[in-house]
Amino acid sequence: MSKIFLVFGHYNQNSFNAAIRDTFKKTAEEKGHSVDVVDLYKDKFNPVFAGEKPDDEVLDHRKRIEEL
């Protein structure tokens, strides 16, 4: 089975996008896949890159993706 890294970023946890996330995760797991979800909004992720060294959060995301 597959390992899936799902990136989500929406301010409203009751949004249609959140419902899609939840349905996708549930369905994938029911089919035997593992799903690792990162919520960029909840983590207050700053998407602006100005050439600085990546912080611990970015390094954690990278590690999780490489484990796929």
PDB file of N, CA and C in Angstrom:
ATOM      1  N   MET A   1       0.821  -1.187   0.000  1.00  0.00           N
ATOM      2  CA  MET A   1       0.000   0.000   0.000  1.00  0.00           C
ATOM      3  C   MET A   1       0.867   1.252   0.000  1.00  0.00           C
ATOM      4  N   SER A   2       0.249   2.368  -0.237  1.00  0.00           N
ATOM      5  CA  SER A   2       0.960   3.636  -0.390  1.00  0.00           C
ATOM      6  C   SER A   2       1.025   4.434   0.905  1.00  0.00           C
ATOM      7  N   LYS A   3       2.060   5.250   1.000  1.00  0.00           N
ATOM      8  CA  LYS A   3       2.158   6.258   2.047  1.00  0.00           C
ATOM      9  C   LYS A   3       1.867   7.587   1.369  1.00  0.00           C
ATOM     10  N   ILE A   4       0.937   8.349   1.927  1.00  0.00           N
ATOM     11  CA  ILE A   4       0.491   9.594   1.304  1.00  0.00           C
ATOM     12  C   ILE A   4       0.778  10.757   2.246  1.00  0.00           C
ATOM     13  N   PHE A   5       1.389  11.814   1.704  1.00  0.00           N
ATOM     14  CA  PHE A   5       1.631  13.046   2.461  1.00  0.00           C
ATOM     15  C   PHE A   5       0.647  14.080   1.926  1.00  0.00           C
ATOM     16  N   LEU A   6      -0.336  14.440   2.727  1.00  0.00           N
ATOM     17  CA  LEU A   6      -1.398  15.341   2.310  1.00  0.00           C
ATOM     18  C   LEU A   6      -1.174  16.723   2.913  1.00  0.00           C
ATOM     19  N   VAL A   7      -1.062  17.717   2.056  1.00  0.00           N
ATOM     20  CA  VAL A   7      -0.860  19.096   2.502  1.00  0.00           C
ATOM     21  C   VAL A   7      -2.198  19.819   2.443  1.00  0.00           C
ATOM     22  N   PHE A   8      -2.592  20.387   3.580  1.00  0.00           N
ATOM     23  CA  PHE A   8      -3.856  21.099   3.698  1.00  0.00           C
ATOM     24  C   PHE A   8      -3.558  22.492   4.231  1.00  0.00           C
ATOM     25  N   GLY A   9      -4.273  23.468   3.747  1.00  0.00           N
ATOM     26  CA  GLY A   9      -4.069  24.826   4.240  1.00  0.00           C
ATOM     27  C   GLY A   9      -5.319  25.660   4.068  1.00  0.00           C
ATOM     28  N   HIS A  10      -6.186  25.632   5.054  1.00  0.00           N
ATOM     29  CA  HIS A  10      -7.404  26.432   5.002  1.00  0.00           C
ATOM     30  C   HIS A  10      -7.723  26.901   6.411  1.00  0.00           C
ATOM     31  N   TYR A  11      -8.165  28.113   6.538  1.00  0.00           N
ATOM     32  CA  TYR A  11      -8.423  28.700   7.858  1.00  0.00           C
ATOM     33  C   TYR A  11      -9.665  28.148   8.549  1.00  0.00           C
ATOM     34  N   ASN A  12     -10.577  27.554   7.795  1.00  0.00           N
ATOM     35  CA  ASN A  12     -11.843  27.094   8.364  1.00  0.00           C
ATOM     36  C   ASN A  12     -11.878  25.563   8.398  1.00  0.00           C
ATOM     37  N   GLN A  13     -11.838  25.007   9.605  1.00  0.00           N
ATOM     38  CA  GLN A  13     -11.859  23.546   9.752  1.00  0.00           C
ATOM     39  C   GLN A  13     -13.225  22.938   9.414  1.00  0.00           C
ATOM     40  N   ASN A  14     -14.215  23.775   9.160  1.00  0.00           N
ATOM     41  CA  ASN A  14     -15.546  23.293   8.753  1.00  0.00           C
ATOM     42  C   ASN A  14     -15.823  23.569   7.283  1.00  0.00           C
ATOM     43  N   SER A  15     -14.791  23.891   6.531  1.00  0.00           N
ATOM     44  CA  SER A  15     -14.946  24.242   5.119  1.00  0.00           C
ATOM     45  C   SER A  15     -15.170  23.001   4.258  1.00  0.00           C
ATOM     46  N   PHE A  16     -15.557  23.224   3.018  1.00  0.00           N
ATOM     47  CA  PHE A  16     -15.690  22.149   2.042  1.00  0.00           C
ATOM     48  C   PHE A  16     -14.335  21.484   1.824  1.00  0.00           C
ATOM     49  N   ASN A  17     -13.271  22.294   1.788  1.00  0.00           N
ATOM     50  CA  ASN A  17     -11.924  21.733   1.628  1.00  0.00           C
ATOM     51  C   ASN A  17     -11.567  20.794   2.775  1.00  0.00           C
ATOM     52  N   ALA A  18     -11.940  21.149   3.991  1.00  0.00           N
ATOM     53  CA  ALA A  18     -11.677  20.285   5.145  1.00  0.00           C
ATOM     54  C   ALA A  18     -12.476  18.985   5.029  1.00  0.00           C
ATOM     55  N   ALA A  19     -13.687  19.076   4.525  1.00  0.00           N
ATOM     56  CA  ALA A  19     -14.505  17.870   4.328  1.00  0.00           C
ATOM     57  C   ALA A  19     -13.867  16.955   3.287  1.00  0.00           C
ATOM     58  N   ILE A  20     -13.323  17.541   2.229  1.00  0.00           N
ATOM     59  CA  ILE A  20     -12.617  16.754   1.210  1.00  0.00           C
ATOM     60  C   ILE A  20     -11.398  16.078   1.843  1.00  0.00           C
ATOM     61  N   ARG A  21     -10.625  16.832   2.621  1.00  0.00           N
ATOM     62  CA  ARG A  21      -9.455  16.272   3.321  1.00  0.00           C
ATOM     63  C   ARG A  21      -9.857  15.078   4.173  1.00  0.00           C
ATOM     64  N   ASP A  22     -10.882  15.259   4.989  1.00  0.00           N
ATOM     65  CA  ASP A  22     -11.310  14.203   5.902  1.00  0.00           C
ATOM     66  C   ASP A  22     -11.815  12.972   5.154  1.00  0.00           C
ATOM     67  N   THR A  23     -12.592  13.191   4.100  1.00  0.00           N
ATOM     68  CA  THR A  23     -13.116  12.076   3.307  1.00  0.00           C
ATOM     69  C   THR A  23     -11.997  11.344   2.600  1.00  0.00           C
ATOM     70  N   PHE A  24     -11.060  12.097   2.030  1.00  0.00           N
ATOM     71  CA  PHE A  24      -9.920  11.472   1.353  1.00  0.00           C
ATOM     72  C   PHE A  24      -9.120  10.624   2.329  1.00  0.00           C
ATOM     73  N   LYS A  25      -8.790  11.197   3.491  1.00  0.00           N
ATOM     74  CA  LYS A  25      -7.982  10.491   4.493  1.00  0.00           C
ATOM     75  C   LYS A  25      -8.688   9.226   4.946  1.00  0.00           C
ATOM     76  N   LYS A  26      -9.960   9.329   5.267  1.00  0.00           N
ATOM     77  CA  LYS A  26     -10.725   8.172   5.743  1.00  0.00           C
ATOM     78  C   LYS A  26     -10.781   7.079   4.678  1.00  0.00           C
ATOM     79  N   THR A  27     -11.082   7.457   3.454  1.00  0.00           N
ATOM     80  CA  THR A  27     -11.193   6.483   2.364  1.00  0.00           C
ATOM     81  C   THR A  27      -9.852   5.817   2.082  1.00  0.00           C
ATOM     82  N   ALA A  28      -8.799   6.601   2.041  1.00  0.00           N
ATOM     83  CA  ALA A  28      -7.461   6.045   1.779  1.00  0.00           C
ATOM     84  C   ALA A  28      -7.062   5.066   2.879  1.00  0.00           C
ATOM     85  N   GLU A  29      -7.312   5.427   4.128  1.00  0.00           N
ATOM     86  CA  GLU A  29      -6.959   4.544   5.238  1.00  0.00           C
ATOM     87  C   GLU A  29      -7.806   3.273   5.229  1.00  0.00           C
ATOM     88  N   GLU A  30      -9.074   3.382   4.854  1.00  0.00           N
ATOM     89  CA  GLU A  30      -9.928   2.200   4.752  1.00  0.00           C
ATOM     90  C   GLU A  30      -9.413   1.227   3.686  1.00  0.00           C
ATOM     91  N   LYS A  31      -8.718   1.764   2.698  1.00  0.00           N
ATOM     92  CA  LYS A  31      -8.158   0.940   1.622  1.00  0.00           C
ATOM     93  C   LYS A  31      -6.739   0.470   1.948  1.00  0.00           C
ATOM     94  N   GLY A  32      -6.280   0.758   3.167  1.00  0.00           N
ATOM     95  CA  GLY A  32      -4.996   0.256   3.623  1.00  0.00           C
ATOM     96  C   GLY A  32      -3.810   1.181   3.447  1.00  0.00           C
ATOM     97  N   HIS A  33      -4.036   2.384   2.965  1.00  0.00           N
ATOM     98  CA  HIS A  33      -2.953   3.346   2.786  1.00  0.00           C
ATOM     99  C   HIS A  33      -2.721   4.105   4.097  1.00  0.00           C
ATOM    100  N   SER A  34      -1.504   4.610   4.297  1.00  0.00           N
ATOM    101  CA  SER A  34      -1.252   5.477   5.445  1.00  0.00           C
ATOM    102  C   SER A  34      -1.214   6.920   4.939  1.00  0.00           C
ATOM    103  N   VAL A  35      -1.818   7.804   5.724  1.00  0.00           N
ATOM    104  CA  VAL A  35      -1.925   9.208   5.321  1.00  0.00           C
ATOM    105  C   VAL A  35      -1.345  10.089   6.420  1.00  0.00           C
ATOM    106  N   ASP A  36      -0.364  10.906   6.049  1.00  0.00           N
ATOM    107  CA  ASP A  36       0.240  11.880   6.953  1.00  0.00           C
ATOM    108  C   ASP A  36      -0.253  13.247   6.501  1.00  0.00           C
ATOM    109  N   VAL A  37      -1.037  13.907   7.349  1.00  0.00           N
ATOM    110  CA  VAL A  37      -1.635  15.196   6.992  1.00  0.00           C
ATOM    111  C   VAL A  37      -0.891  16.322   7.701  1.00  0.00           C
ATOM    112  N   VAL A  38      -0.509  17.329   6.932  1.00  0.00           N
ATOM    113  CA  VAL A  38       0.058  18.537   7.521  1.00  0.00           C
ATOM    114  C   VAL A  38      -0.912  19.685   7.215  1.00  0.00           C
ATOM    115  N   ASP A  39      -1.232  20.463   8.235  1.00  0.00           N
ATOM    116  CA  ASP A  39      -2.153  21.589   8.089  1.00  0.00           C
ATOM    117  C   ASP A  39      -1.335  22.876   8.190  1.00  0.00           C
ATOM    118  N   LEU A  40      -1.032  23.456   7.052  1.00  0.00           N
ATOM    119  CA  LEU A  40      -0.162  24.630   7.014  1.00  0.00           C
ATOM    120  C   LEU A  40      -0.768  25.827   7.743  1.00  0.00           C
ATOM    121  N   TYR A  41      -2.061  25.995   7.655  1.00  0.00           N
ATOM    122  CA  TYR A  41      -2.699  27.133   8.319  1.00  0.00           C
ATOM    123  C   TYR A  41      -2.638  26.964   9.835  1.00  0.00           C
ATOM    124  N   LYS A  42      -2.970  25.774  10.299  1.00  0.00           N
ATOM    125  CA  LYS A  42      -2.946  25.490  11.728  1.00  0.00           C
ATOM    126  C   LYS A  42      -1.534  25.654  12.297  1.00  0.00           C
ATOM    127  N   ASP A  43      -0.526  25.273  11.503  1.00  0.00           N
ATOM    128  CA  ASP A  43       0.864  25.394  11.925  1.00  0.00           C
ATOM    129  C   ASP A  43       1.423  26.808  11.735  1.00  0.00           C
ATOM    130  N   LYS A  44       0.593  27.716  11.200  1.00  0.00           N
ATOM    131  CA  LYS A  44       1.008  29.095  10.922  1.00  0.00           C
ATOM    132  C   LYS A  44       2.255  29.133  10.048  1.00  0.00           C
ATOM    133  N   PHE A  45       2.249  28.281   9.034  1.00  0.00           N
ATOM    134  CA  PHE A  45       3.372  28.159   8.116  1.00  0.00           C
ATOM    135  C   PHE A  45       3.545  29.431   7.294  1.00  0.00           C
ATOM    136  N   ASN A  46       4.772  29.925   7.213  1.00  0.00           N
ATOM    137  CA  ASN A  46       5.078  31.107   6.416  1.00  0.00           C
ATOM    138  C   ASN A  46       5.630  30.633   5.074  1.00  0.00           C
ATOM    139  N   PRO A  47       4.881  30.828   3.975  1.00  0.00           N
ATOM    140  CA  PRO A  47       5.311  30.322   2.678  1.00  0.00           C
ATOM    141  C   PRO A  47       6.358  31.173   1.972  1.00  0.00           C
ATOM    142  N   VAL A  48       6.740  32.295   2.570  1.00  0.00           N
ATOM    143  CA  VAL A  48       7.691  33.194   1.925  1.00  0.00           C
ATOM    144  C   VAL A  48       9.109  32.677   2.144  1.00  0.00           C
ATOM    145  N   PHE A  49       9.834  32.454   1.053  1.00  0.00           N
ATOM    146  CA  PHE A  49      11.223  32.014   1.122  1.00  0.00           C
ATOM    147  C   PHE A  49      12.120  33.133   0.629  1.00  0.00           C
ATOM    148  N   ALA A  50      13.033  33.565   1.477  1.00  0.00           N
ATOM    149  CA  ALA A  50      13.923  34.663   1.113  1.00  0.00           C
ATOM    150  C   ALA A  50      15.380  34.224   1.148  1.00  0.00           C
ATOM    151  N   GLY A  51      15.633  32.923   0.992  1.00  0.00           N
ATOM    152  CA  GLY A  51      16.990  32.420   0.940  1.00  0.00           C
ATOM    153  C   GLY A  51      17.582  32.029   2.277  1.00  0.00           C
ATOM    154  N   GLU A  52      16.822  32.181   3.344  1.00  0.00           N
ATOM    155  CA  GLU A  52      17.331  31.824   4.665  1.00  0.00           C
ATOM    156  C   GLU A  52      17.387  30.297   4.809  1.00  0.00           C
ATOM    157  N   LYS A  53      18.054  29.845   5.857  1.00  0.00           N
ATOM    158  CA  LYS A  53      18.099  28.413   6.131  1.00  0.00           C
ATOM    159  C   LYS A  53      16.705  27.963   6.558  1.00  0.00           C
ATOM    160  N   PRO A  54      16.304  26.744   6.168  1.00  0.00           N
ATOM    161  CA  PRO A  54      14.981  26.255   6.562  1.00  0.00           C
ATOM    162  C   PRO A  54      14.898  26.054   8.073  1.00  0.00           C
ATOM    163  N   ASP A  55      13.731  26.387   8.633  1.00  0.00           N
ATOM    164  CA  ASP A  55      13.550  26.209  10.071  1.00  0.00           C
ATOM    165  C   ASP A  55      13.177  24.753  10.371  1.00  0.00           C
ATOM    166  N   ASP A  56      12.985  24.455  11.649  1.00  0.00           N
ATOM    167  CA  ASP A  56      12.696  23.087  12.068  1.00  0.00           C
ATOM    168  C   ASP A  56      11.410  22.543  11.458  1.00  0.00           C
ATOM    169  N   GLU A  57      10.422  23.415  11.292  1.00  0.00           N
ATOM    170  CA  GLU A  57       9.152  22.972  10.714  1.00  0.00           C
ATOM    171  C   GLU A  57       9.339  22.516   9.265  1.00  0.00           C
ATOM    172  N   VAL A  58      10.067  23.278   8.490  1.00  0.00           N
ATOM    173  CA  VAL A  58      10.329  22.916   7.095  1.00  0.00           C
ATOM    174  C   VAL A  58      11.137  21.628   7.039  1.00  0.00           C
ATOM    175  N   LEU A  59      12.129  21.499   7.903  1.00  0.00           N
ATOM    176  CA  LEU A  59      12.934  20.282   7.932  1.00  0.00           C
ATOM    177  C   LEU A  59      12.098  19.072   8.323  1.00  0.00           C
ATOM    178  N   ASP A  60      11.137  19.272   9.234  1.00  0.00           N
ATOM    179  CA  ASP A  60      10.233  18.179   9.614  1.00  0.00           C
ATOM    180  C   ASP A  60       9.367  17.764   8.434  1.00  0.00           C
ATOM    181  N   HIS A  61       8.819  18.723   7.697  1.00  0.00           N
ATOM    182  CA  HIS A  61       8.007  18.401   6.515  1.00  0.00           C
ATOM    183  C   HIS A  61       8.850  17.624   5.502  1.00  0.00           C
ATOM    184  N   ARG A  62      10.065  18.090   5.301  1.00  0.00           N
ATOM    185  CA  ARG A  62      10.955  17.426   4.341  1.00  0.00           C
ATOM    186  C   ARG A  62      11.218  15.980   4.765  1.00  0.00           C
ATOM    187  N   LYS A  63      11.495  15.773   6.042  1.00  0.00           N
ATOM    188  CA  LYS A  63      11.756  14.424   6.554  1.00  0.00           C
ATOM    189  C   LYS A  63      10.544  13.523   6.336  1.00  0.00           C
ATOM    190  N   ARG A  64       9.358  14.047   6.619  1.00  0.00           N
ATOM    191  CA  ARG A  64       8.137  13.269   6.458  1.00  0.00           C
ATOM    192  C   ARG A  64       7.906  12.894   4.999  1.00  0.00           C
ATOM    193  N   ILE A  65       8.218  13.792   4.085  1.00  0.00           N
ATOM    194  CA  ILE A  65       8.069  13.506   2.661  1.00  0.00           C
ATOM    195  C   ILE A  65       9.102  12.461   2.219  1.00  0.00           C
ATOM    196  N   GLU A  66      10.326  12.591   2.691  1.00  0.00           N
ATOM    197  CA  GLU A  66      11.372  11.643   2.311  1.00  0.00           C
ATOM    198  C   GLU A  66      11.083  10.238   2.817  1.00  0.00           C
ATOM    199  N   GLU A  67      10.305  10.109   3.889  1.00  0.00           N
ATOM    200  CA  GLU A  67       9.956   8.800   4.424  1.00  0.00           C
ATOM    201  C   GLU A  67       8.934   8.068   3.557  1.00  0.00           C
ATOM    202  N   LEU A  68       8.374   8.772   2.586  1.00  0.00           N
ATOM    203  CA  LEU A  68       7.425   8.131   1.692  1.00  0.00           C
ATOM    204  C   LEU A  68       8.201   7.240   0.792  1.00  0.00           C
TER     205      LEU A  68
END
